[in-house]
């Protein structure tokens, strides 16, 4: 996760912030050592990805 969020400051890395801005998403990190929260975040990512792929036109 250090490639996304600076462990010292807790702020999003500039390189990743540009990617998030391009895709129009917000970055919300899980608190460290919270396994049950991680699952909730991954499920939200899964739902978002499924909605994205369903809305793409067929080529």
PDB file of N, CA and C in Angstrom:
ATOM      1  N   UNK A   1       0.817  -1.184   0.000  1.00  0.00           N
ATOM      2  CA  UNK A   1       0.000   0.000   0.000  1.00  0.00           C
ATOM      3  C   UNK A   1       0.865   1.252   0.000  1.00  0.00           C
ATOM      4  N   UNK A   2       2.149   1.121   0.292  1.00  0.00           N
ATOM      5  CA  UNK A   2       3.026   2.287   0.322  1.00  0.00           C
ATOM      6  C   UNK A   2       3.196   2.906  -1.060  1.00  0.00           C
ATOM      7  N   UNK A   3       2.878   2.158  -2.122  1.00  0.00           N
ATOM      8  CA  UNK A   3       2.954   2.735  -3.458  1.00  0.00           C
ATOM      9  C   UNK A   3       1.792   3.690  -3.710  1.00  0.00           C
ATOM     10  N   UNK A   4       0.743   3.598  -2.911  1.00  0.00           N
ATOM     11  CA  UNK A   4      -0.430   4.454  -3.057  1.00  0.00           C
ATOM     12  C   UNK A   4      -0.462   5.538  -1.987  1.00  0.00           C
ATOM     13  N   UNK A   5      -0.220   5.157  -0.744  1.00  0.00           N
ATOM     14  CA  UNK A   5      -0.290   6.098   0.376  1.00  0.00           C
ATOM     15  C   UNK A   5       1.050   6.141   1.095  1.00  0.00           C
ATOM     16  N   UNK A   6       1.542   7.339   1.334  1.00  0.00           N
ATOM     17  CA  UNK A   6       2.796   7.521   2.043  1.00  0.00           C
ATOM     18  C   UNK A   6       2.596   7.096   3.494  1.00  0.00           C
ATOM     19  N   UNK A   7       3.342   6.087   3.966  1.00  0.00           N
ATOM     20  CA  UNK A   7       3.142   5.600   5.338  1.00  0.00           C
ATOM     21  C   UNK A   7       3.471   6.635   6.413  1.00  0.00           C
ATOM     22  N   UNK A   8       4.369   7.569   6.115  1.00  0.00           N
ATOM     23  CA  UNK A   8       4.761   8.570   7.110  1.00  0.00           C
ATOM     24  C   UNK A   8       3.695   9.643   7.293  1.00  0.00           C
ATOM     25  N   UNK A   9       3.112  10.094   6.185  1.00  0.00           N
ATOM     26  CA  UNK A   9       2.151  11.193   6.256  1.00  0.00           C
ATOM     27  C   UNK A   9       0.700  10.742   6.162  1.00  0.00           C
ATOM     28  N   UNK A  10       0.475   9.564   5.569  1.00  0.00           N
ATOM     29  CA  UNK A  10      -0.894   9.099   5.379  1.00  0.00           C
ATOM     30  C   UNK A  10      -1.587   9.745   4.189  1.00  0.00           C
ATOM     31  N   UNK A  11      -0.828  10.468   3.364  1.00  0.00           N
ATOM     32  CA  UNK A  11      -1.396  11.150   2.193  1.00  0.00           C
ATOM     33  C   UNK A  11      -1.171  10.306   0.936  1.00  0.00           C
ATOM     34  N   UNK A  12      -2.034  10.484  -0.040  1.00  0.00           N
ATOM     35  CA  UNK A  12      -1.943   9.754  -1.302  1.00  0.00           C
ATOM     36  C   UNK A  12      -0.732  10.262  -2.088  1.00  0.00           C
ATOM     37  N   UNK A  13       0.022   9.310  -2.667  1.00  0.00           N
ATOM     38  CA  UNK A  13       1.170   9.677  -3.494  1.00  0.00           C
ATOM     39  C   UNK A  13       0.703  10.475  -4.701  1.00  0.00           C
ATOM     40  N   UNK A  14       1.493  11.442  -5.141  1.00  0.00           N
ATOM     41  CA  UNK A  14       1.124  12.312  -6.263  1.00  0.00           C
ATOM     42  C   UNK A  14       0.890  11.515  -7.539  1.00  0.00           C
ATOM     43  N   UNK A  15       1.714  10.491  -7.789  1.00  0.00           N
ATOM     44  CA  UNK A  15       1.554   9.697  -9.010  1.00  0.00           C
ATOM     45  C   UNK A  15       0.223   8.955  -9.016  1.00  0.00           C
ATOM     46  N   UNK A  16      -0.193   8.450  -7.873  1.00  0.00           N
ATOM     47  CA  UNK A  16      -1.464   7.728  -7.810  1.00  0.00           C
ATOM     48  C   UNK A  16      -2.642   8.687  -7.794  1.00  0.00           C
ATOM     49  N   UNK A  17      -2.466   9.861  -7.230  1.00  0.00           N
ATOM     50  CA  UNK A  17      -3.539  10.852  -7.210  1.00  0.00           C
ATOM     51  C   UNK A  17      -3.917  11.255  -8.627  1.00  0.00           C
ATOM     52  N   UNK A  18      -2.923  11.352  -9.519  1.00  0.00           N
ATOM     53  CA  UNK A  18      -3.198  11.687 -10.917  1.00  0.00           C
ATOM     54  C   UNK A  18      -4.035  10.598 -11.585  1.00  0.00           C
ATOM     55  N   UNK A  19      -3.744   9.346 -11.290  1.00  0.00           N
ATOM     56  CA  UNK A  19      -4.515   8.234 -11.856  1.00  0.00           C
ATOM     57  C   UNK A  19      -5.942   8.265 -11.324  1.00  0.00           C
ATOM     58  N   UNK A  20      -6.095   8.467 -10.034  1.00  0.00           N
ATOM     59  CA  UNK A  20      -7.427   8.524  -9.431  1.00  0.00           C
ATOM     60  C   UNK A  20      -8.235   9.676 -10.012  1.00  0.00           C
ATOM     61  N   UNK A  21      -7.598  10.807 -10.210  1.00  0.00           N
ATOM     62  CA  UNK A  21      -8.289  11.966 -10.786  1.00  0.00           C
ATOM     63  C   UNK A  21      -8.719  11.680 -12.223  1.00  0.00           C
ATOM     64  N   UNK A  22      -7.862  11.003 -12.979  1.00  0.00           N
ATOM     65  CA  UNK A  22      -8.181  10.668 -14.369  1.00  0.00           C
ATOM     66  C   UNK A  22      -9.445   9.806 -14.445  1.00  0.00           C
ATOM     67  N   UNK A  23      -9.552   8.830 -13.547  1.00  0.00           N
ATOM     68  CA  UNK A  23     -10.704   7.930 -13.553  1.00  0.00           C
ATOM     69  C   UNK A  23     -11.883   8.468 -12.743  1.00  0.00           C
ATOM     70  N   UNK A  24     -11.702   9.594 -12.080  1.00  0.00           N
ATOM     71  CA  UNK A  24     -12.793  10.203 -11.328  1.00  0.00           C
ATOM     72  C   UNK A  24     -13.192   9.436 -10.088  1.00  0.00           C
ATOM     73  N   UNK A  25     -12.221   8.890  -9.401  1.00  0.00           N
ATOM     74  CA  UNK A  25     -12.496   8.128  -8.182  1.00  0.00           C
ATOM     75  C   UNK A  25     -11.774   8.757  -6.994  1.00  0.00           C
ATOM     76  N   UNK A  26     -12.237   8.425  -5.807  1.00  0.00           N
ATOM     77  CA  UNK A  26     -11.595   8.870  -4.572  1.00  0.00           C
ATOM     78  C   UNK A  26     -10.830   7.699  -3.965  1.00  0.00           C
ATOM     79  N   UNK A  27      -9.744   8.008  -3.307  1.00  0.00           N
ATOM     80  CA  UNK A  27      -8.931   6.986  -2.649  1.00  0.00           C
ATOM     81  C   UNK A  27      -9.261   6.995  -1.170  1.00  0.00           C
ATOM     82  N   UNK A  28      -9.717   5.857  -0.670  1.00  0.00           N
ATOM     83  CA  UNK A  28      -9.979   5.695   0.764  1.00  0.00           C
ATOM     84  C   UNK A  28      -9.256   4.441   1.225  1.00  0.00           C
ATOM     85  N   UNK A  29      -8.269   4.614   2.064  1.00  0.00           N
ATOM     86  CA  UNK A  29      -7.469   3.481   2.528  1.00  0.00           C
ATOM     87  C   UNK A  29      -8.124   2.806   3.728  1.00  0.00           C
ATOM     88  N   UNK A  30      -7.928   1.513   3.815  1.00  0.00           N
ATOM     89  CA  UNK A  30      -8.389   0.768   4.991  1.00  0.00           C
ATOM     90  C   UNK A  30      -7.447   1.081   6.154  1.00  0.00           C
ATOM     91  N   UNK A  31      -7.983   1.148   7.367  1.00  0.00           N
ATOM     92  CA  UNK A  31      -7.088   1.301   8.512  1.00  0.00           C
ATOM     93  C   UNK A  31      -6.179   0.069   8.618  1.00  0.00           C
ATOM     94  N   UNK A  32      -4.935   0.241   9.037  1.00  0.00           N
ATOM     95  CA  UNK A  32      -4.040  -0.912   9.134  1.00  0.00           C
ATOM     96  C   UNK A  32      -4.552  -1.943  10.139  1.00  0.00           C
ATOM     97  N   UNK A  33      -4.303  -3.191   9.799  1.00  0.00           N
ATOM     98  CA  UNK A  33      -4.645  -4.340  10.652  1.00  0.00           C
ATOM     99  C   UNK A  33      -6.148  -4.423  10.961  1.00  0.00           C
ATOM    100  N   UNK A  34      -6.974  -4.170   9.961  1.00  0.00           N
ATOM    101  CA  UNK A  34      -8.425  -4.306  10.115  1.00  0.00           C
ATOM    102  C   UNK A  34      -8.941  -5.228   9.009  1.00  0.00           C
ATOM    103  N   UNK A  35      -8.779  -6.499   9.215  1.00  0.00           N
ATOM    104  CA  UNK A  35      -9.129  -7.483   8.190  1.00  0.00           C
ATOM    105  C   UNK A  35     -10.585  -7.434   7.764  1.00  0.00           C
ATOM    106  N   UNK A  36     -11.513  -7.260   8.700  1.00  0.00           N
ATOM    107  CA  UNK A  36     -12.926  -7.267   8.324  1.00  0.00           C
ATOM    108  C   UNK A  36     -13.296  -6.019   7.521  1.00  0.00           C
ATOM    109  N   UNK A  37     -12.620  -4.911   7.707  1.00  0.00           N
ATOM    110  CA  UNK A  37     -12.880  -3.710   6.917  1.00  0.00           C
ATOM    111  C   UNK A  37     -12.365  -3.892   5.494  1.00  0.00           C
ATOM    112  N   UNK A  38     -11.259  -4.607   5.356  1.00  0.00           N
ATOM    113  CA  UNK A  38     -10.671  -4.849   4.041  1.00  0.00           C
ATOM    114  C   UNK A  38     -11.669  -5.566   3.136  1.00  0.00           C
ATOM    115  N   UNK A  39     -12.395  -6.514   3.651  1.00  0.00           N
ATOM    116  CA  UNK A  39     -13.382  -7.240   2.853  1.00  0.00           C
ATOM    117  C   UNK A  39     -14.495  -6.341   2.357  1.00  0.00           C
ATOM    118  N   UNK A  40     -14.916  -5.403   3.193  1.00  0.00           N
ATOM    119  CA  UNK A  40     -15.982  -4.477   2.790  1.00  0.00           C
ATOM    120  C   UNK A  40     -15.506  -3.573   1.665  1.00  0.00           C
ATOM    121  N   UNK A  41     -14.263  -3.146   1.729  1.00  0.00           N
ATOM    122  CA  UNK A  41     -13.707  -2.287   0.681  1.00  0.00           C
ATOM    123  C   UNK A  41     -13.576  -3.069  -0.619  1.00  0.00           C
ATOM    124  N   UNK A  42     -13.097  -4.305  -0.530  1.00  0.00           N
ATOM    125  CA  UNK A  42     -12.945  -5.110  -1.736  1.00  0.00           C
ATOM    126  C   UNK A  42     -14.299  -5.395  -2.376  1.00  0.00           C
ATOM    127  N   UNK A  43     -15.333  -5.616  -1.592  1.00  0.00           N
ATOM    128  CA  UNK A  43     -16.663  -5.849  -2.136  1.00  0.00           C
ATOM    129  C   UNK A  43     -17.182  -4.603  -2.851  1.00  0.00           C
ATOM    130  N   UNK A  44     -16.938  -3.424  -2.294  1.00  0.00           N
ATOM    131  CA  UNK A  44     -17.347  -2.179  -2.945  1.00  0.00           C
ATOM    132  C   UNK A  44     -16.610  -2.003  -4.269  1.00  0.00           C
ATOM    133  N   UNK A  45     -15.335  -2.366  -4.299  1.00  0.00           N
ATOM    134  CA  UNK A  45     -14.574  -2.297  -5.549  1.00  0.00           C
ATOM    135  C   UNK A  45     -15.139  -3.260  -6.579  1.00  0.00           C
ATOM    136  N   UNK A  46     -15.522  -4.447  -6.144  1.00  0.00           N
ATOM    137  CA  UNK A  46     -16.097  -5.441  -7.047  1.00  0.00           C
ATOM    138  C   UNK A  46     -17.410  -4.929  -7.648  1.00  0.00           C
ATOM    139  N   UNK A  47     -18.265  -4.358  -6.829  1.00  0.00           N
ATOM    140  CA  UNK A  47     -19.543  -3.826  -7.309  1.00  0.00           C
ATOM    141  C   UNK A  47     -19.301  -2.698  -8.307  1.00  0.00           C
ATOM    142  N   UNK A  48     -18.364  -1.811  -7.999  1.00  0.00           N
ATOM    143  CA  UNK A  48     -18.069  -0.697  -8.905  1.00  0.00           C
ATOM    144  C   UNK A  48     -17.534  -1.212 -10.242  1.00  0.00           C
ATOM    145  N   UNK A  49     -16.664  -2.210 -10.194  1.00  0.00           N
ATOM    146  CA  UNK A  49     -16.110  -2.759 -11.432  1.00  0.00           C
ATOM    147  C   UNK A  49     -17.196  -3.428 -12.268  1.00  0.00           C
ATOM    148  N   UNK A  50     -18.101  -4.153 -11.628  1.00  0.00           N
ATOM    149  CA  UNK A  50     -19.172  -4.817 -12.373  1.00  0.00           C
ATOM    150  C   UNK A  50     -20.085  -3.803 -13.042  1.00  0.00           C
ATOM    151  N   UNK A  51     -20.395  -2.723 -12.354  1.00  0.00           N
ATOM    152  CA  UNK A  51     -21.241  -1.686 -12.946  1.00  0.00           C
ATOM    153  C   UNK A  51     -20.545  -1.012 -14.113  1.00  0.00           C
ATOM    154  N   UNK A  52     -19.233  -0.813 -13.993  1.00  0.00           N
ATOM    155  CA  UNK A  52     -18.469  -0.182 -15.061  1.00  0.00           C
ATOM    156  C   UNK A  52     -18.511  -1.059 -16.319  1.00  0.00           C
ATOM    157  N   UNK A  53     -18.230  -2.346 -16.163  1.00  0.00           N
ATOM    158  CA  UNK A  53     -18.170  -3.234 -17.338  1.00  0.00           C
ATOM    159  C   UNK A  53     -19.545  -3.410 -17.968  1.00  0.00           C
ATOM    160  N   UNK A  54     -20.613  -3.409 -17.177  1.00  0.00           N
ATOM    161  CA  UNK A  54     -21.951  -3.575 -17.734  1.00  0.00           C
ATOM    162  C   UNK A  54     -22.366  -2.399 -18.596  1.00  0.00           C
ATOM    163  N   UNK A  55     -21.871  -1.201 -18.295  1.00  0.00           N
ATOM    164  CA  UNK A  55     -22.276  -0.003 -19.008  1.00  0.00           C
ATOM    165  C   UNK A  55     -21.455   0.277 -20.261  1.00  0.00           C
ATOM    166  N   UNK A  56     -20.424  -0.520 -20.511  1.00  0.00           N
ATOM    167  CA  UNK A  56     -19.630  -0.299 -21.716  1.00  0.00           C
ATOM    168  C   UNK A  56     -20.381  -0.813 -22.935  1.00  0.00           C
ATOM    169  N   UNK A  57     -20.344  -0.086 -24.028  1.00  0.00           N
ATOM    170  CA  UNK A  57     -21.006  -0.585 -25.238  1.00  0.00           C
ATOM    171  C   UNK A  57     -20.228  -1.732 -25.842  1.00  0.00           C
ATOM    172  N   UNK A  58     -20.904  -2.635 -26.487  1.00  0.00           N
ATOM    173  CA  UNK A  58     -20.226  -3.741 -27.168  1.00  0.00           C
ATOM    174  C   UNK A  58     -19.607  -3.224 -28.447  1.00  0.00           C
ATOM    175  N   UNK A  59     -18.391  -3.688 -28.733  1.00  0.00           N
ATOM    176  CA  UNK A  59     -17.721  -3.235 -29.951  1.00  0.00           C
ATOM    177  C   UNK A  59     -17.511  -4.371 -30.909  1.00  0.00           C
TER     178      UNK A  59
END
